[in-house]
PDB file of N, CA and C in Angstrom:
ATOM      1  N   MET A   1     188.203 195.541  29.991  1.00  0.00           N
ATOM      2  CA  MET A   1     188.710 195.832  31.318  1.00  0.00           C
ATOM      3  C   MET A   1     188.157 197.171  31.782  1.00  0.00           C
ATOM      4  N   PRO A   2     187.164 197.149  32.683  1.00  0.00           N
ATOM      5  CA  PRO A   2     186.582 198.403  33.156  1.00  0.00           C
ATOM      6  C   PRO A   2     187.608 199.265  33.892  1.00  0.00           C
ATOM      7  N   LEU A   3     187.583 200.550  33.587  1.00  0.00           N
ATOM      8  CA  LEU A   3     188.450 201.512  34.259  1.00  0.00           C
ATOM      9  C   LEU A   3     187.543 202.528  34.939  1.00  0.00           C
ATOM     10  N   LEU A   4     187.618 202.578  36.258  1.00  0.00           N
ATOM     11  CA  LEU A   4     186.791 203.495  37.033  1.00  0.00           C
ATOM     12  C   LEU A   4     187.669 204.584  37.628  1.00  0.00           C
ATOM     13  N   GLU A   5     187.099 205.786  37.741  1.00  0.00           N
ATOM     14  CA  GLU A   5     187.813 206.868  38.416  1.00  0.00           C
ATOM     15  C   GLU A   5     186.930 207.348  39.551  1.00  0.00           C
ATOM     16  N   VAL A   6     187.484 207.350  40.752  1.00  0.00           N
ATOM     17  CA  VAL A   6     186.728 207.736  41.938  1.00  0.00           C
ATOM     18  C   VAL A   6     187.373 208.969  42.545  1.00  0.00           C
ATOM     19  N   GLU A   7     186.550 210.008  42.742  1.00  0.00           N
ATOM     20  CA  GLU A   7     187.031 211.220  43.398  1.00  0.00           C
ATOM     21  C   GLU A   7     186.724 211.124  44.884  1.00  0.00           C
ATOM     22  N   ILE A   8     187.714 211.446  45.703  1.00  0.00           N
ATOM     23  CA  ILE A   8     187.459 211.512  47.147  1.00  0.00           C
ATOM     24  C   ILE A   8     187.810 212.910  47.638  1.00  0.00           C
ATOM     25  N   SER A   9     187.021 213.396  48.581  1.00  0.00           N
ATOM     26  CA  SER A   9     187.248 214.747  49.105  1.00  0.00           C
ATOM     27  C   SER A   9     187.925 214.702  50.466  1.00  0.00           C
ATOM     28  N   THR A  10     188.292 213.498  50.909  1.00  0.00           N
ATOM     29  CA  THR A  10     188.982 213.329  52.174  1.00  0.00           C
ATOM     30  C   THR A  10     190.429 212.908  51.893  1.00  0.00           C
ATOM     31  N   GLU A  11     191.227 212.797  52.937  1.00  0.00           N
ATOM     32  CA  GLU A  11     192.636 212.438  52.780  1.00  0.00           C
ATOM     33  C   GLU A  11     192.788 211.019  52.244  1.00  0.00           C
ATOM     34  N   TYR A  12     191.877 210.137  52.664  1.00  0.00           N
ATOM     35  CA  TYR A  12     191.951 208.735  52.231  1.00  0.00           C
ATOM     36  C   TYR A  12     190.575 208.095  52.345  1.00  0.00           C
ATOM     37  N   ILE A  13     190.453 206.885  51.790  1.00  0.00           N
ATOM     38  CA  ILE A  13     189.246 206.076  51.926  1.00  0.00           C
ATOM     39  C   ILE A  13     189.700 204.654  52.250  1.00  0.00           C
ATOM     40  N   ALA A  14     188.961 203.982  53.120  1.00  0.00           N
ATOM     41  CA  ALA A  14     189.293 202.598  53.462  1.00  0.00           C
ATOM     42  C   ALA A  14     189.068 201.722  52.230  1.00  0.00           C
ATOM     43  N   LEU A  15     189.947 200.776  52.014  1.00  0.00           N
ATOM     44  CA  LEU A  15     189.888 199.920  50.828  1.00  0.00           C
ATOM     45  C   LEU A  15     188.538 199.229  50.689  1.00  0.00           C
ATOM     46  N   ASN A  16     188.015 198.656  51.781  1.00  0.00           N
ATOM     47  CA  ASN A  16     186.728 197.956  51.677  1.00  0.00           C
ATOM     48  C   ASN A  16     185.592 198.917  51.325  1.00  0.00           C
ATOM     49  N   ASP A  17     185.655 200.171  51.796  1.00  0.00           N
ATOM     50  CA  ASP A  17     184.640 201.175  51.453  1.00  0.00           C
ATOM     51  C   ASP A  17     184.751 201.591  49.986  1.00  0.00           C
ATOM     52  N   LEU A  18     185.966 201.687  49.495  1.00  0.00           N
ATOM     53  CA  LEU A  18     186.178 202.025  48.082  1.00  0.00           C
ATOM     54  C   LEU A  18     185.546 200.971  47.181  1.00  0.00           C
ATOM     55  N   LEU A  19     185.766 199.709  47.510  1.00  0.00           N
ATOM     56  CA  LEU A  19     185.189 198.626  46.711  1.00  0.00           C
ATOM     57  C   LEU A  19     183.666 198.690  46.727  1.00  0.00           C
ATOM     58  N   LYS A  20     183.099 199.101  47.859  1.00  0.00           N
ATOM     59  CA  LYS A  20     181.645 199.200  47.981  1.00  0.00           C
ATOM     60  C   LYS A  20     181.094 200.354  47.133  1.00  0.00           C
ATOM     61  N   ILE A  21     181.696 201.537  47.237  1.00  0.00           N
ATOM     62  CA  ILE A  21     181.140 202.675  46.490  1.00  0.00           C
ATOM     63  C   ILE A  21     181.343 202.535  44.981  1.00  0.00           C
ATOM     64  N   CYS A  22     182.308 201.724  44.574  1.00  0.00           N
ATOM     65  CA  CYS A  22     182.536 201.491  43.143  1.00  0.00           C
ATOM     66  C   CYS A  22     181.603 200.422  42.581  1.00  0.00           C
ATOM     67  N   GLY A  23     180.879 199.742  43.462  1.00  0.00           N
ATOM     68  CA  GLY A  23     179.974 198.702  43.006  1.00  0.00           C
ATOM     69  C   GLY A  23     180.642 197.363  42.740  1.00  0.00           C
ATOM     70  N   VAL A  24     181.904 197.229  43.164  1.00  0.00           N
ATOM     71  CA  VAL A  24     182.601 195.953  42.992  1.00  0.00           C
ATOM     72  C   VAL A  24     181.974 194.911  43.918  1.00  0.00           C
ATOM     73  N   VAL A  25     181.533 195.350  45.109  1.00  0.00           N
ATOM     74  CA  VAL A  25     180.846 194.483  46.073  1.00  0.00           C
ATOM     75  C   VAL A  25     179.597 195.206  46.564  1.00  0.00           C
ATOM     76  N   ASP A  26     178.694 194.446  47.182  1.00  0.00           N
ATOM     77  CA  ASP A  26     177.430 195.018  47.651  1.00  0.00           C
ATOM     78  C   ASP A  26     177.501 195.639  49.036  1.00  0.00           C
ATOM     79  N   SER A  27     178.511 195.238  49.838  1.00  0.00           N
ATOM     80  CA  SER A  27     178.586 195.747  51.207  1.00  0.00           C
ATOM     81  C   SER A  27     180.035 195.837  51.657  1.00  0.00           C
ATOM     82  N   GLY A  28     180.242 196.563  52.747  1.00  0.00           N
ATOM     83  CA  GLY A  28     181.586 196.665  53.305  1.00  0.00           C
ATOM     84  C   GLY A  28     182.111 195.311  53.767  1.00  0.00           C
ATOM     85  N   GLY A  29     181.205 194.480  54.293  1.00  0.00           N
ATOM     86  CA  GLY A  29     181.601 193.140  54.724  1.00  0.00           C
ATOM     87  C   GLY A  29     182.062 192.289  53.554  1.00  0.00           C
ATOM     88  N   ALA A  30     181.360 192.411  52.437  1.00  0.00           N
ATOM     89  CA  ALA A  30     181.760 191.676  51.235  1.00  0.00           C
ATOM     90  C   ALA A  30     183.104 192.201  50.730  1.00  0.00           C
ATOM     91  N   GLY A  31     183.331 193.500  50.898  1.00  0.00           N
ATOM     92  CA  GLY A  31     184.614 194.086  50.505  1.00  0.00           C
ATOM     93  C   GLY A  31     185.750 193.533  51.335  1.00  0.00           C
ATOM     94  N   LYS A  32     185.509 193.391  52.650  1.00  0.00           N
ATOM     95  CA  LYS A  32     186.533 192.823  53.526  1.00  0.00           C
ATOM     96  C   LYS A  32     186.847 191.385  53.140  1.00  0.00           C
ATOM     97  N   ALA A  33     185.802 190.609  52.811  1.00  0.00           N
ATOM     98  CA  ALA A  33     186.000 189.213  52.414  1.00  0.00           C
ATOM     99  C   ALA A  33     186.778 189.134  51.098  1.00  0.00           C
ATOM    100  N   LEU A  34     186.481 190.042  50.174  1.00  0.00           N
ATOM    101  CA  LEU A  34     187.172 190.049  48.887  1.00  0.00           C
ATOM    102  C   LEU A  34     188.653 190.362  49.082  1.00  0.00           C
ATOM    103  N   VAL A  35     188.957 191.345  49.911  1.00  0.00           N
ATOM    104  CA  VAL A  35     190.356 191.684  50.194  1.00  0.00           C
ATOM    105  C   VAL A  35     191.059 190.500  50.852  1.00  0.00           C
ATOM    106  N   ALA A  36     190.388 189.867  51.827  1.00  0.00           N
ATOM    107  CA  ALA A  36     190.978 188.732  52.536  1.00  0.00           C
ATOM    108  C   ALA A  36     191.267 187.558  51.599  1.00  0.00           C
ATOM    109  N   SER A  37     190.517 187.468  50.503  1.00  0.00           N
ATOM    110  CA  SER A  37     190.710 186.357  49.567  1.00  0.00           C
ATOM    111  C   SER A  37     191.989 186.503  48.742  1.00  0.00           C
ATOM    112  N   GLY A  38     192.590 187.706  48.759  1.00  0.00           N
ATOM    113  CA  GLY A  38     193.876 187.897  48.092  1.00  0.00           C
ATOM    114  C   GLY A  38     193.816 188.328  46.636  1.00  0.00           C
ATOM    115  N   VAL A  39     192.630 188.696  46.139  1.00  0.00           N
ATOM    116  CA  VAL A  39     192.528 189.065  44.721  1.00  0.00           C
ATOM    117  C   VAL A  39     192.652 190.571  44.473  1.00  0.00           C
ATOM    118  N   VAL A  40     192.793 191.355  45.535  1.00  0.00           N
ATOM    119  CA  VAL A  40     192.867 192.811  45.391  1.00  0.00           C
ATOM    120  C   VAL A  40     194.329 193.256  45.392  1.00  0.00           C
ATOM    121  N   LYS A  41     194.651 194.137  44.438  1.00  0.00           N
ATOM    122  CA  LYS A  41     196.003 194.703  44.375  1.00  0.00           C
ATOM    123  C   LYS A  41     195.911 196.222  44.493  1.00  0.00           C
ATOM    124  N   VAL A  42     196.872 196.796  45.203  1.00  0.00           N
ATOM    125  CA  VAL A  42     196.986 198.253  45.311  1.00  0.00           C
ATOM    126  C   VAL A  42     198.335 198.620  44.720  1.00  0.00           C
ATOM    127  N   ASP A  43     198.307 199.451  43.686  1.00  0.00           N
ATOM    128  CA  ASP A  43     199.525 199.843  42.971  1.00  0.00           C
ATOM    129  C   ASP A  43     200.325 198.610  42.531  1.00  0.00           C
ATOM    130  N   GLY A  44     199.600 197.571  42.099  1.00  0.00           N
ATOM    131  CA  GLY A  44     200.232 196.381  41.546  1.00  0.00           C
ATOM    132  C   GLY A  44     200.710 195.358  42.564  1.00  0.00           C
ATOM    133  N   VAL A  45     200.473 195.613  43.864  1.00  0.00           N
ATOM    134  CA  VAL A  45     200.943 194.703  44.909  1.00  0.00           C
ATOM    135  C   VAL A  45     199.732 194.145  45.655  1.00  0.00           C
ATOM    136  N   GLN A  46     199.724 192.837  45.889  1.00  0.00           N
ATOM    137  CA  GLN A  46     198.614 192.213  46.616  1.00  0.00           C
ATOM    138  C   GLN A  46     198.417 192.894  47.963  1.00  0.00           C
ATOM    139  N   GLU A  47     197.157 193.209  48.274  1.00  0.00           N
ATOM    140  CA  GLU A  47     196.831 193.888  49.530  1.00  0.00           C
ATOM    141  C   GLU A  47     195.876 193.029  50.335  1.00  0.00           C
ATOM    142  N   LEU A  48     196.242 192.727  51.580  1.00  0.00           N
ATOM    143  CA  LEU A  48     195.403 191.907  52.448  1.00  0.00           C
ATOM    144  C   LEU A  48     194.825 192.689  53.623  1.00  0.00           C
ATOM    145  N   ARG A  49     195.213 193.971  53.759  1.00  0.00           N
ATOM    146  CA  ARG A  49     194.671 194.803  54.848  1.00  0.00           C
ATOM    147  C   ARG A  49     193.329 195.378  54.385  1.00  0.00           C
ATOM    148  N   LYS A  50     192.268 194.941  55.028  1.00  0.00           N
ATOM    149  CA  LYS A  50     190.916 195.282  54.581  1.00  0.00           C
ATOM    150  C   LYS A  50     190.611 196.776  54.646  1.00  0.00           C
ATOM    151  N   THR A  51     191.156 197.449  55.648  1.00  0.00           N
ATOM    152  CA  THR A  51     190.868 198.882  55.795  1.00  0.00           C
ATOM    153  C   THR A  51     192.086 199.727  55.453  1.00  0.00           C
ATOM    154  N   ASN A  52     192.949 199.200  54.586  1.00  0.00           N
ATOM    155  CA  ASN A  52     194.117 199.960  54.139  1.00  0.00           C
ATOM    156  C   ASN A  52     193.667 201.327  53.630  1.00  0.00           C
ATOM    157  N   LYS A  53     194.400 202.366  53.970  1.00  0.00           N
ATOM    158  CA  LYS A  53     194.049 203.726  53.564  1.00  0.00           C
ATOM    159  C   LYS A  53     194.491 203.960  52.119  1.00  0.00           C
ATOM    160  N   ILE A  54     193.516 204.171  51.255  1.00  0.00           N
ATOM    161  CA  ILE A  54     193.785 204.428  49.843  1.00  0.00           C
ATOM    162  C   ILE A  54     193.706 205.934  49.626  1.00  0.00           C
ATOM    163  N   ARG A  55     194.776 206.490  49.096  1.00  0.00           N
ATOM    164  CA  ARG A  55     194.869 207.944  48.913  1.00  0.00           C
ATOM    165  C   ARG A  55     194.830 208.305  47.433  1.00  0.00           C
ATOM    166  N   PRO A  56     194.505 209.572  47.133  1.00  0.00           N
ATOM    167  CA  PRO A  56     194.522 210.004  45.725  1.00  0.00           C
ATOM    168  C   PRO A  56     195.872 209.686  45.084  1.00  0.00           C
ATOM    169  N   GLY A  57     195.820 209.222  43.839  1.00  0.00           N
ATOM    170  CA  GLY A  57     197.024 208.858  43.112  1.00  0.00           C
ATOM    171  C   GLY A  57     197.283 207.366  43.119  1.00  0.00           C
ATOM    172  N   GLN A  58     196.562 206.641  43.973  1.00  0.00           N
ATOM    173  CA  GLN A  58     196.754 205.196  44.025  1.00  0.00           C
ATOM    174  C   GLN A  58     195.783 204.500  43.071  1.00  0.00           C
ATOM    175  N   GLN A  59     196.142 203.280  42.709  1.00  0.00           N
ATOM    176  CA  GLN A  59     195.336 202.488  41.789  1.00  0.00           C
ATOM    177  C   GLN A  59     195.039 201.136  42.432  1.00  0.00           C
ATOM    178  N   VAL A  60     193.780 200.726  42.336  1.00  0.00           N
ATOM    179  CA  VAL A  60     193.338 199.455  42.912  1.00  0.00           C
ATOM    180  C   VAL A  60     192.869 198.561  41.770  1.00  0.00           C
ATOM    181  N   GLN A  61     193.300 197.298  41.789  1.00  0.00           N
ATOM    182  CA  GLN A  61     192.863 196.344  40.777  1.00  0.00           C
ATOM    183  C   GLN A  61     192.160 195.174  41.447  1.00  0.00           C
ATOM    184  N   VAL A  62     191.015 194.802  40.875  1.00  0.00           N
ATOM    185  CA  VAL A  62     190.279 193.616  41.310  1.00  0.00           C
ATOM    186  C   VAL A  62     189.884 192.885  40.039  1.00  0.00           C
ATOM    187  N   ASP A  63     190.399 191.670  39.871  1.00  0.00           N
ATOM    188  CA  ASP A  63     190.146 190.907  38.651  1.00  0.00           C
ATOM    189  C   ASP A  63     190.479 191.773  37.436  1.00  0.00           C
ATOM    190  N   ASP A  64     189.489 192.072  36.583  1.00  0.00           N
ATOM    191  CA  ASP A  64     189.779 192.877  35.384  1.00  0.00           C
ATOM    192  C   ASP A  64     189.340 194.328  35.539  1.00  0.00           C
ATOM    193  N   THR A  65     189.007 194.746  36.757  1.00  0.00           N
ATOM    194  CA  THR A  65     188.577 196.124  37.015  1.00  0.00           C
ATOM    195  C   THR A  65     189.714 196.923  37.637  1.00  0.00           C
ATOM    196  N   THR A  66     189.944 198.119  37.115  1.00  0.00           N
ATOM    197  CA  THR A  66     190.960 199.022  37.656  1.00  0.00           C
ATOM    198  C   THR A  66     190.261 200.281  38.177  1.00  0.00           C
ATOM    199  N   ILE A  67     190.620 200.678  39.384  1.00  0.00           N
ATOM    200  CA  ILE A  67     190.030 201.868  40.004  1.00  0.00           C
ATOM    201  C   ILE A  67     191.146 202.875  40.257  1.00  0.00           C
ATOM    202  N   ASN A  68     191.039 204.044  39.646  1.00  0.00           N
ATOM    203  CA  ASN A  68     191.988 205.127  39.899  1.00  0.00           C
ATOM    204  C   ASN A  68     191.343 206.078  40.908  1.00  0.00           C
ATOM    205  N   VAL A  69     192.078 206.384  41.976  1.00  0.00           N
ATOM    206  CA  VAL A  69     191.562 207.283  43.011  1.00  0.00           C
ATOM    207  C   VAL A  69     192.195 208.657  42.809  1.00  0.00           C
ATOM    208  N   VAL A  70     191.337 209.672  42.701  1.00  0.00           N
ATOM    209  CA  VAL A  70     191.823 211.039  42.481  1.00  0.00           C
ATOM    210  C   VAL A  70     191.200 211.964  43.534  1.00  0.00           C
ATOM    211  N   ALA A  71     191.869 213.072  43.773  1.00  0.00           N
ATOM    212  CA  ALA A  71     191.364 214.061  44.716  1.00  0.00           C
ATOM    213  C   ALA A  71     190.246 214.865  44.062  1.00  0.00           C
ATOM    214  N   ALA A  72     189.193 215.109  44.803  1.00  0.00           N
ATOM    215  CA  ALA A  72     188.089 215.931  44.294  1.00  0.00           C
ATOM    216  C   ALA A  72     188.593 217.354  44.076  1.00  0.00           C
ATOM    217  N   GLN A  73     188.119 217.967  43.006  1.00  0.00           N
ATOM    218  CA  GLN A  73     188.495 219.352  42.729  1.00  0.00           C
ATOM    219  C   GLN A  73     187.708 220.286  43.650  1.00  0.00           C
ATOM    220  N   GLU A  74     188.385 221.286  44.171  1.00  0.00           N
ATOM    221  CA  GLU A  74     187.712 222.218  45.088  1.00  0.00           C
ATOM    222  C   GLU A  74     187.077 223.358  44.328  1.00  0.00           C
TER     223      GLU A  74
END
C-alpha cells in the first residue's frame, strides 16, 4: 500500500490537482473522472466533489494508495 506525503505551500489544493501531482492520474480531467467514479475517499469518507479543497492534515485514499497532505515548512 503506497503511502505518499505531499507538501503544499498554499492554504489548500483542489482534489483533482492533488491526484495529478501525486501521479495517481495523468491529467486534471482524469482526476475529475476518478473522483466522479466514487473511488476516492477524504479522511475515510467517499468524496464526489472534484475540486474539493484539501488542506494540510487531511488524508486522501484511492484504491490502495494513501496520500497525506502536510504544510510546507517555511
